[in-house]
Amino acid sequence: MLVGVAYADKFKQTWLKLDMPDGSTIRDAIERSGLLDQFPEIDLDVNKVGIFGKISKLDTKLTDGNRVEIYRPITADPELVERRDQDEDD
């Protein structure tokens, strides 16, 4: 089955297509993708993962056409950023 694996740091986006055996999990696809070597900041005990924007567990079984996504931790509270921008306009 064909699946995609996507990750973006603040400098570049990476999206890979992989041919995975039936019964593969999110963890299997991430490990096979090589992204853990390419981006050592990814920690599967910390980073959330998902399929098409829906948070999922690492042991979730994949189906043909799934796009696995590795999410970075949020580094700024969006509400505070919005307030800061409004304060600068005043």
PDB file of N, CA and C in Angstrom:
ATOM      1  N   MET A   1       0.840  -1.179   0.000  1.00  0.00           N
ATOM      2  CA  MET A   1       0.000   0.000   0.000  1.00  0.00           C
ATOM      3  C   MET A   1       0.878   1.233   0.000  1.00  0.00           C
ATOM      4  N   LEU A   2       0.422   2.284  -0.652  1.00  0.00           N
ATOM      5  CA  LEU A   2       1.170   3.532  -0.705  1.00  0.00           C
ATOM      6  C   LEU A   2       0.655   4.476   0.374  1.00  0.00           C
ATOM      7  N   VAL A   3       1.590   5.054   1.142  1.00  0.00           N
ATOM      8  CA  VAL A   3       1.246   6.045   2.157  1.00  0.00           C
ATOM      9  C   VAL A   3       2.253   7.189   2.055  1.00  0.00           C
ATOM     10  N   GLY A   4       1.890   8.320   2.605  1.00  0.00           N
ATOM     11  CA  GLY A   4       2.792   9.460   2.672  1.00  0.00           C
ATOM     12  C   GLY A   4       3.176   9.706   4.118  1.00  0.00           C
ATOM     13  N   VAL A   5       4.352  10.281   4.318  1.00  0.00           N
ATOM     14  CA  VAL A   5       4.793  10.695   5.646  1.00  0.00           C
ATOM     15  C   VAL A   5       5.270  12.139   5.510  1.00  0.00           C
ATOM     16  N   ALA A   6       4.742  13.022   6.354  1.00  0.00           N
ATOM     17  CA  ALA A   6       5.059  14.445   6.250  1.00  0.00           C
ATOM     18  C   ALA A   6       5.562  14.992   7.578  1.00  0.00           C
ATOM     19  N   TYR A   7       6.551  15.891   7.471  1.00  0.00           N
ATOM     20  CA  TYR A   7       7.059  16.618   8.629  1.00  0.00           C
ATOM     21  C   TYR A   7       7.596  17.953   8.137  1.00  0.00           C
ATOM     22  N   ALA A   8       7.409  18.988   8.927  1.00  0.00           N
ATOM     23  CA  ALA A   8       7.943  20.305   8.577  1.00  0.00           C
ATOM     24  C   ALA A   8       8.583  20.915   9.811  1.00  0.00           C
ATOM     25  N   ASP A   9       9.829  21.344   9.649  1.00  0.00           N
ATOM     26  CA  ASP A   9      10.422  22.153  10.705  1.00  0.00           C
ATOM     27  C   ASP A   9      10.255  23.606  10.270  1.00  0.00           C
ATOM     28  N   LYS A  10      10.872  24.547  10.964  1.00  0.00           N
ATOM     29  CA  LYS A  10      10.630  25.938  10.597  1.00  0.00           C
ATOM     30  C   LYS A  10      11.344  26.346   9.311  1.00  0.00           C
ATOM     31  N   PHE A  11      12.172  25.464   8.752  1.00  0.00           N
ATOM     32  CA  PHE A  11      12.908  25.809   7.550  1.00  0.00           C
ATOM     33  C   PHE A  11      12.461  25.063   6.299  1.00  0.00           C
ATOM     34  N   LYS A  12      11.986  23.838   6.453  1.00  0.00           N
ATOM     35  CA  LYS A  12      11.607  23.093   5.251  1.00  0.00           C
ATOM     36  C   LYS A  12      10.527  22.053   5.561  1.00  0.00           C
ATOM     37  N   GLN A  13       9.781  21.731   4.506  1.00  0.00           N
ATOM     38  CA  GLN A  13       8.746  20.701   4.588  1.00  0.00           C
ATOM     39  C   GLN A  13       9.246  19.463   3.851  1.00  0.00           C
ATOM     40  N   THR A  14       8.988  18.308   4.433  1.00  0.00           N
ATOM     41  CA  THR A  14       9.371  17.056   3.799  1.00  0.00           C
ATOM     42  C   THR A  14       8.132  16.179   3.698  1.00  0.00           C
ATOM     43  N   TRP A  15       7.899  15.664   2.508  1.00  0.00           N
ATOM     44  CA  TRP A  15       6.772  14.760   2.286  1.00  0.00           C
ATOM     45  C   TRP A  15       7.284  13.616   1.430  1.00  0.00           C
ATOM     46  N   LEU A  16       7.195  12.410   1.983  1.00  0.00           N
ATOM     47  CA  LEU A  16       7.712  11.228   1.304  1.00  0.00           C
ATOM     48  C   LEU A  16       6.591  10.246   1.013  1.00  0.00           C
ATOM     49  N   LYS A  17       6.687   9.572  -0.120  1.00  0.00           N
ATOM     50  CA  LYS A  17       5.758   8.488  -0.437  1.00  0.00           C
ATOM     51  C   LYS A  17       6.473   7.172  -0.176  1.00  0.00           C
ATOM     52  N   LEU A  18       5.791   6.265   0.493  1.00  0.00           N
ATOM     53  CA  LEU A  18       6.383   4.968   0.824  1.00  0.00           C
ATOM     54  C   LEU A  18       5.452   3.848   0.411  1.00  0.00           C
ATOM     55  N   ASP A  19       6.036   2.743   0.000  1.00  0.00           N
ATOM     56  CA  ASP A  19       5.277   1.514  -0.249  1.00  0.00           C
ATOM     57  C   ASP A  19       5.431   0.667   1.014  1.00  0.00           C
ATOM     58  N   MET A  20       4.349   0.498   1.748  1.00  0.00           N
ATOM     59  CA  MET A  20       4.377  -0.210   3.026  1.00  0.00           C
ATOM     60  C   MET A  20       3.580  -1.508   2.919  1.00  0.00           C
ATOM     61  N   PRO A  21       4.012  -2.536   3.664  1.00  0.00           N
ATOM     62  CA  PRO A  21       3.240  -3.784   3.675  1.00  0.00           C
ATOM     63  C   PRO A  21       1.903  -3.589   4.394  1.00  0.00           C
ATOM     64  N   ASP A  22       0.918  -4.362   3.989  1.00  0.00           N
ATOM     65  CA  ASP A  22      -0.372  -4.338   4.685  1.00  0.00           C
ATOM     66  C   ASP A  22      -0.154  -4.615   6.164  1.00  0.00           C
ATOM     67  N   GLY A  23      -0.924  -3.942   7.011  1.00  0.00           N
ATOM     68  CA  GLY A  23      -0.813  -4.137   8.448  1.00  0.00           C
ATOM     69  C   GLY A  23       0.192  -3.203   9.105  1.00  0.00           C
ATOM     70  N   SER A  24       0.844  -2.350   8.323  1.00  0.00           N
ATOM     71  CA  SER A  24       1.826  -1.416   8.885  1.00  0.00           C
ATOM     72  C   SER A  24       1.137  -0.371   9.745  1.00  0.00           C
ATOM     73  N   THR A  25       1.889   0.146  10.707  1.00  0.00           N
ATOM     74  CA  THR A  25       1.380   1.172  11.628  1.00  0.00           C
ATOM     75  C   THR A  25       2.028   2.519  11.312  1.00  0.00           C
ATOM     76  N   ILE A  26       1.522   3.544  11.984  1.00  0.00           N
ATOM     77  CA  ILE A  26       2.123   4.874  11.869  1.00  0.00           C
ATOM     78  C   ILE A  26       3.604   4.799  12.241  1.00  0.00           C
ATOM     79  N   ARG A  27       3.921   4.146  13.348  1.00  0.00           N
ATOM     80  CA  ARG A  27       5.323   4.032  13.775  1.00  0.00           C
ATOM     81  C   ARG A  27       6.172   3.368  12.687  1.00  0.00           C
ATOM     82  N   ASP A  28       5.658   2.290  12.078  1.00  0.00           N
ATOM     83  CA  ASP A  28       6.398   1.593  11.023  1.00  0.00           C
ATOM     84  C   ASP A  28       6.743   2.544   9.872  1.00  0.00           C
ATOM     85  N   ALA A  29       5.764   3.334   9.453  1.00  0.00           N
ATOM     86  CA  ALA A  29       5.971   4.243   8.328  1.00  0.00           C
ATOM     87  C   ALA A  29       6.985   5.332   8.683  1.00  0.00           C
ATOM     88  N   ILE A  30       6.879   5.885   9.889  1.00  0.00           N
ATOM     89  CA  ILE A  30       7.822   6.931  10.300  1.00  0.00           C
ATOM     90  C   ILE A  30       9.239   6.365  10.359  1.00  0.00           C
ATOM     91  N   GLU A  31       9.381   5.195  10.938  1.00  0.00           N
ATOM     92  CA  GLU A  31      10.716   4.597  11.040  1.00  0.00           C
ATOM     93  C   GLU A  31      11.288   4.291   9.661  1.00  0.00           C
ATOM     94  N   ARG A  32      10.480   3.768   8.759  1.00  0.00           N
ATOM     95  CA  ARG A  32      10.963   3.437   7.411  1.00  0.00           C
ATOM     96  C   ARG A  32      11.281   4.693   6.603  1.00  0.00           C
ATOM     97  N   SER A  33      10.618   5.803   6.909  1.00  0.00           N
ATOM     98  CA  SER A  33      10.792   7.025   6.127  1.00  0.00           C
ATOM     99  C   SER A  33      12.188   7.627   6.235  1.00  0.00           C
ATOM    100  N   GLY A  34      12.887   7.356   7.332  1.00  0.00           N
ATOM    101  CA  GLY A  34      14.198   7.955   7.543  1.00  0.00           C
ATOM    102  C   GLY A  34      14.139   9.345   8.164  1.00  0.00           C
ATOM    103  N   LEU A  35      12.934   9.846   8.434  1.00  0.00           N
ATOM    104  CA  LEU A  35      12.808  11.187   8.998  1.00  0.00           C
ATOM    105  C   LEU A  35      13.399  11.300  10.398  1.00  0.00           C
ATOM    106  N   LEU A  36      13.418  10.202  11.145  1.00  0.00           N
ATOM    107  CA  LEU A  36      13.996  10.250  12.495  1.00  0.00           C
ATOM    108  C   LEU A  36      15.500  10.515  12.438  1.00  0.00           C
ATOM    109  N   ASP A  37      16.168  10.049  11.380  1.00  0.00           N
ATOM    110  CA  ASP A  37      17.589  10.324  11.199  1.00  0.00           C
ATOM    111  C   ASP A  37      17.812  11.729  10.640  1.00  0.00           C
ATOM    112  N   GLN A  38      16.928  12.134   9.739  1.00  0.00           N
ATOM    113  CA  GLN A  38      17.061  13.437   9.087  1.00  0.00           C
ATOM    114  C   GLN A  38      16.738  14.589  10.039  1.00  0.00           C
ATOM    115  N   PHE A  39      15.801  14.367  10.956  1.00  0.00           N
ATOM    116  CA  PHE A  39      15.380  15.396  11.904  1.00  0.00           C
ATOM    117  C   PHE A  39      15.502  14.841  13.319  1.00  0.00           C
ATOM    118  N   PRO A  40      16.696  14.913  13.921  1.00  0.00           N
ATOM    119  CA  PRO A  40      16.901  14.310  15.243  1.00  0.00           C
ATOM    120  C   PRO A  40      16.048  14.944  16.345  1.00  0.00           C
ATOM    121  N   GLU A  41      15.458  16.103  16.081  1.00  0.00           N
ATOM    122  CA  GLU A  41      14.591  16.726  17.084  1.00  0.00           C
ATOM    123  C   GLU A  41      13.255  16.002  17.240  1.00  0.00           C
ATOM    124  N   ILE A  42      12.911  15.132  16.294  1.00  0.00           N
ATOM    125  CA  ILE A  42      11.662  14.374  16.415  1.00  0.00           C
ATOM    126  C   ILE A  42      11.837  13.334  17.511  1.00  0.00           C
ATOM    127  N   ASP A  43      10.943  13.384  18.479  1.00  0.00           N
ATOM    128  CA  ASP A  43      10.923  12.411  19.578  1.00  0.00           C
ATOM    129  C   ASP A  43       9.511  11.838  19.622  1.00  0.00           C
ATOM    130  N   LEU A  44       9.364  10.596  19.221  1.00  0.00           N
ATOM    131  CA  LEU A  44       8.024  10.010  19.139  1.00  0.00           C
ATOM    132  C   LEU A  44       7.352   9.853  20.500  1.00  0.00           C
ATOM    133  N   ASP A  45       8.113  10.030  21.588  1.00  0.00           N
ATOM    134  CA  ASP A  45       7.501  10.049  22.913  1.00  0.00           C
ATOM    135  C   ASP A  45       6.926  11.431  23.229  1.00  0.00           C
ATOM    136  N   VAL A  46       7.318  12.444  22.451  1.00  0.00           N
ATOM    137  CA  VAL A  46       6.879  13.825  22.687  1.00  0.00           C
ATOM    138  C   VAL A  46       5.991  14.337  21.553  1.00  0.00           C
ATOM    139  N   ASN A  47       6.470  14.201  20.304  1.00  0.00           N
ATOM    140  CA  ASN A  47       5.727  14.720  19.164  1.00  0.00           C
ATOM    141  C   ASN A  47       4.438  13.947  18.955  1.00  0.00           C
ATOM    142  N   LYS A  48       3.370  14.677  18.717  1.00  0.00           N
ATOM    143  CA  LYS A  48       2.103  14.039  18.358  1.00  0.00           C
ATOM    144  C   LYS A  48       2.167  13.660  16.884  1.00  0.00           C
ATOM    145  N   VAL A  49       1.397  12.651  16.520  1.00  0.00           N
ATOM    146  CA  VAL A  49       1.316  12.199  15.134  1.00  0.00           C
ATOM    147  C   VAL A  49      -0.150  12.069  14.757  1.00  0.00           C
ATOM    148  N   GLY A  50      -0.401  12.035  13.457  1.00  0.00           N
ATOM    149  CA  GLY A  50      -1.786  11.900  13.022  1.00  0.00           C
ATOM    150  C   GLY A  50      -1.863  11.448  11.584  1.00  0.00           C
ATOM    151  N   ILE A  51      -3.105  11.272  11.144  1.00  0.00           N
ATOM    152  CA  ILE A  51      -3.403  10.925   9.764  1.00  0.00           C
ATOM    153  C   ILE A  51      -4.379  11.968   9.252  1.00  0.00           C
ATOM    154  N   PHE A  52      -3.979  12.683   8.199  1.00  0.00           N
ATOM    155  CA  PHE A  52      -4.809  13.740   7.603  1.00  0.00           C
ATOM    156  C   PHE A  52      -5.332  14.723   8.661  1.00  0.00           C
ATOM    157  N   GLY A  53      -4.479  15.155   9.588  1.00  0.00           N
ATOM    158  CA  GLY A  53      -4.850  16.171  10.562  1.00  0.00           C
ATOM    159  C   GLY A  53      -5.583  15.661  11.787  1.00  0.00           C
ATOM    160  N   LYS A  54      -5.812  14.370  11.896  1.00  0.00           N
ATOM    161  CA  LYS A  54      -6.482  13.800  13.061  1.00  0.00           C
ATOM    162  C   LYS A  54      -5.435  13.088  13.919  1.00  0.00           C
ATOM    163  N   ILE A  55      -5.269  13.554  15.164  1.00  0.00           N
ATOM    164  CA  ILE A  55      -4.300  12.955  16.079  1.00  0.00           C
ATOM    165  C   ILE A  55      -4.578  11.460  16.198  1.00  0.00           C
ATOM    166  N   SER A  56      -3.523  10.677  16.097  1.00  0.00           N
ATOM    167  CA  SER A  56      -3.645   9.221  16.145  1.00  0.00           C
ATOM    168  C   SER A  56      -2.507   8.640  16.986  1.00  0.00           C
ATOM    169  N   LYS A  57      -2.667   7.390  17.383  1.00  0.00           N
ATOM    170  CA  LYS A  57      -1.622   6.698  18.149  1.00  0.00           C
ATOM    171  C   LYS A  57      -0.624   6.061  17.194  1.00  0.00           C
ATOM    172  N   LEU A  58       0.584   5.860  17.699  1.00  0.00           N
ATOM    173  CA  LEU A  58       1.643   5.280  16.874  1.00  0.00           C
ATOM    174  C   LEU A  58       1.311   3.876  16.381  1.00  0.00           C
ATOM    175  N   ASP A  59       0.462   3.143  17.117  1.00  0.00           N
ATOM    176  CA  ASP A  59       0.137   1.778  16.709  1.00  0.00           C
ATOM    177  C   ASP A  59      -1.107   1.709  15.807  1.00  0.00           C
ATOM    178  N   THR A  60      -1.589   2.868  15.343  1.00  0.00           N
ATOM    179  CA  THR A  60      -2.728   2.886  14.429  1.00  0.00           C
ATOM    180  C   THR A  60      -2.336   2.245  13.107  1.00  0.00           C
ATOM    181  N   LYS A  61      -3.151   1.307  12.641  1.00  0.00           N
ATOM    182  CA  LYS A  61      -2.902   0.633  11.363  1.00  0.00           C
ATOM    183  C   LYS A  61      -3.213   1.590  10.214  1.00  0.00           C
ATOM    184  N   LEU A  62      -2.381   1.543   9.202  1.00  0.00           N
ATOM    185  CA  LEU A  62      -2.544   2.400   8.036  1.00  0.00           C
ATOM    186  C   LEU A  62      -3.355   1.712   6.956  1.00  0.00           C
ATOM    187  N   THR A  63      -3.977   2.530   6.125  1.00  0.00           N
ATOM    188  CA  THR A  63      -4.650   2.030   4.931  1.00  0.00           C
ATOM    189  C   THR A  63      -4.065   2.750   3.719  1.00  0.00           C
ATOM    190  N   ASP A  64      -4.259   2.166   2.567  1.00  0.00           N
ATOM    191  CA  ASP A  64      -3.717   2.717   1.338  1.00  0.00           C
ATOM    192  C   ASP A  64      -4.123   4.181   1.179  1.00  0.00           C
ATOM    193  N   GLY A  65      -3.154   5.038   0.881  1.00  0.00           N
ATOM    194  CA  GLY A  65      -3.426   6.446   0.633  1.00  0.00           C
ATOM    195  C   GLY A  65      -3.343   7.343   1.855  1.00  0.00           C
ATOM    196  N   ASN A  66      -3.158   6.771   3.056  1.00  0.00           N
ATOM    197  CA  ASN A  66      -3.053   7.607   4.264  1.00  0.00           C
ATOM    198  C   ASN A  66      -1.851   8.540   4.171  1.00  0.00           C
ATOM    199  N   ARG A  67      -1.992   9.732   4.790  1.00  0.00           N
ATOM    200  CA  ARG A  67      -0.862  10.655   4.944  1.00  0.00           C
ATOM    201  C   ARG A  67      -0.561  10.772   6.428  1.00  0.00           C
ATOM    202  N   VAL A  68       0.562  10.223   6.837  1.00  0.00           N
ATOM    203  CA  VAL A  68       1.013  10.289   8.233  1.00  0.00           C
ATOM    204  C   VAL A  68       1.687  11.642   8.427  1.00  0.00           C
ATOM    205  N   GLU A  69       1.334  12.311   9.513  1.00  0.00           N
ATOM    206  CA  GLU A  69       1.903  13.620   9.808  1.00  0.00           C
ATOM    207  C   GLU A  69       2.555  13.595  11.189  1.00  0.00           C
ATOM    208  N   ILE A  70       3.715  14.189  11.285  1.00  0.00           N
ATOM    209  CA  ILE A  70       4.411  14.331  12.564  1.00  0.00           C
ATOM    210  C   ILE A  70       4.320  15.809  12.922  1.00  0.00           C
ATOM    211  N   TYR A  71       3.745  16.107  14.085  1.00  0.00           N
ATOM    212  CA  TYR A  71       3.510  17.492  14.477  1.00  0.00           C
ATOM    213  C   TYR A  71       4.586  17.992  15.419  1.00  0.00           C
ATOM    214  N   ARG A  72       4.993  19.232  15.224  1.00  0.00           N
ATOM    215  CA  ARG A  72       5.935  19.888  16.142  1.00  0.00           C
ATOM    216  C   ARG A  72       5.157  20.407  17.345  1.00  0.00           C
ATOM    217  N   PRO A  73       5.819  20.502  18.494  1.00  0.00           N
ATOM    218  CA  PRO A  73       5.165  21.106  19.648  1.00  0.00           C
ATOM    219  C   PRO A  73       4.868  22.586  19.377  1.00  0.00           C
ATOM    220  N   ILE A  74       3.788  23.080  19.923  1.00  0.00           N
ATOM    221  CA  ILE A  74       3.461  24.498  19.801  1.00  0.00           C
ATOM    222  C   ILE A  74       4.447  25.273  20.664  1.00  0.00           C
ATOM    223  N   THR A  75       5.069  26.303  20.097  1.00  0.00           N
ATOM    224  CA  THR A  75       6.069  27.069  20.844  1.00  0.00           C
ATOM    225  C   THR A  75       5.544  28.427  21.290  1.00  0.00           C
ATOM    226  N   ALA A  76       4.385  28.829  20.784  1.00  0.00           N
ATOM    227  CA  ALA A  76       3.802  30.103  21.196  1.00  0.00           C
ATOM    228  C   ALA A  76       2.300  29.927  21.318  1.00  0.00           C
ATOM    229  N   ASP A  77       1.716  30.551  22.321  1.00  0.00           N
ATOM    230  CA  ASP A  77       0.270  30.514  22.506  1.00  0.00           C
ATOM    231  C   ASP A  77      -0.357  31.436  21.459  1.00  0.00           C
ATOM    232  N   PRO A  78      -1.173  30.909  20.538  1.00  0.00           N
ATOM    233  CA  PRO A  78      -1.738  31.734  19.467  1.00  0.00           C
ATOM    234  C   PRO A  78      -2.524  32.930  19.995  1.00  0.00           C
ATOM    235  N   GLU A  79      -3.178  32.783  21.141  1.00  0.00           N
ATOM    236  CA  GLU A  79      -3.934  33.902  21.695  1.00  0.00           C
ATOM    237  C   GLU A  79      -2.999  35.029  22.134  1.00  0.00           C
ATOM    238  N   LEU A  80      -1.861  34.681  22.719  1.00  0.00           N
ATOM    239  CA  LEU A  80      -0.913  35.709  23.146  1.00  0.00           C
ATOM    240  C   LEU A  80      -0.272  36.400  21.953  1.00  0.00           C
ATOM    241  N   VAL A  81       0.027  35.650  20.907  1.00  0.00           N
ATOM    242  CA  VAL A  81       0.602  36.237  19.706  1.00  0.00           C
ATOM    243  C   VAL A  81      -0.372  37.242  19.115  1.00  0.00           C
ATOM    244  N   GLU A  82      -1.644  36.896  19.050  1.00  0.00           N
ATOM    245  CA  GLU A  82      -2.653  37.799  18.508  1.00  0.00           C
ATOM    246  C   GLU A  82      -2.738  39.068  19.355  1.00  0.00           C
ATOM    247  N   ARG A  83      -2.740  38.934  20.673  1.00  0.00           N
ATOM    248  CA  ARG A  83      -2.799  40.097  21.559  1.00  0.00           C
ATOM    249  C   ARG A  83      -1.565  40.978  21.389  1.00  0.00           C
ATOM    250  N   ARG A  84      -0.408  40.361  21.259  1.00  0.00           N
ATOM    251  CA  ARG A  84       0.828  41.117  21.093  1.00  0.00           C
ATOM    252  C   ARG A  84       0.770  41.944  19.811  1.00  0.00           C
ATOM    253  N   ASP A  85       0.248  41.346  18.723  1.00  0.00           N
ATOM    254  CA  ASP A  85       0.116  42.075  17.466  1.00  0.00           C
ATOM    255  C   ASP A  85      -0.828  43.255  17.607  1.00  0.00           C
ATOM    256  N   GLN A  86      -1.923  43.077  18.356  1.00  0.00           N
ATOM    257  CA  GLN A  86      -2.884  44.171  18.550  1.00  0.00           C
ATOM    258  C   GLN A  86      -2.264  45.275  19.404  1.00  0.00           C
ATOM    259  N   ASP A  87      -1.473  44.924  20.420  1.00  0.00           N
ATOM    260  CA  ASP A  87      -0.833  45.914  21.271  1.00  0.00           C
ATOM    261  C   ASP A  87       0.129  46.776  20.463  1.00  0.00           C
ATOM    262  N   GLU A  88       0.819  46.165  19.500  1.00  0.00           N
ATOM    263  CA  GLU A  88       1.768  46.919  18.680  1.00  0.00           C
ATOM    264  C   GLU A  88       1.061  47.913  17.783  1.00  0.00           C
ATOM    265  N   ASP A  89      -0.195  47.620  17.396  1.00  0.00           N
ATOM    266  CA  ASP A  89      -0.954  48.510  16.522  1.00  0.00           C
ATOM    267  C   ASP A  89      -1.460  49.738  17.274  1.00  0.00           C
ATOM    268  N   ASP A  90      -1.567  49.641  18.606  1.00  0.00           N
ATOM    269  CA  ASP A  90      -2.114  50.755  19.383  1.00  0.00           C
ATOM    270  C   ASP A  90      -1.171  51.926  19.501  1.00  0.00           C
TER     271      ASP A  90
END
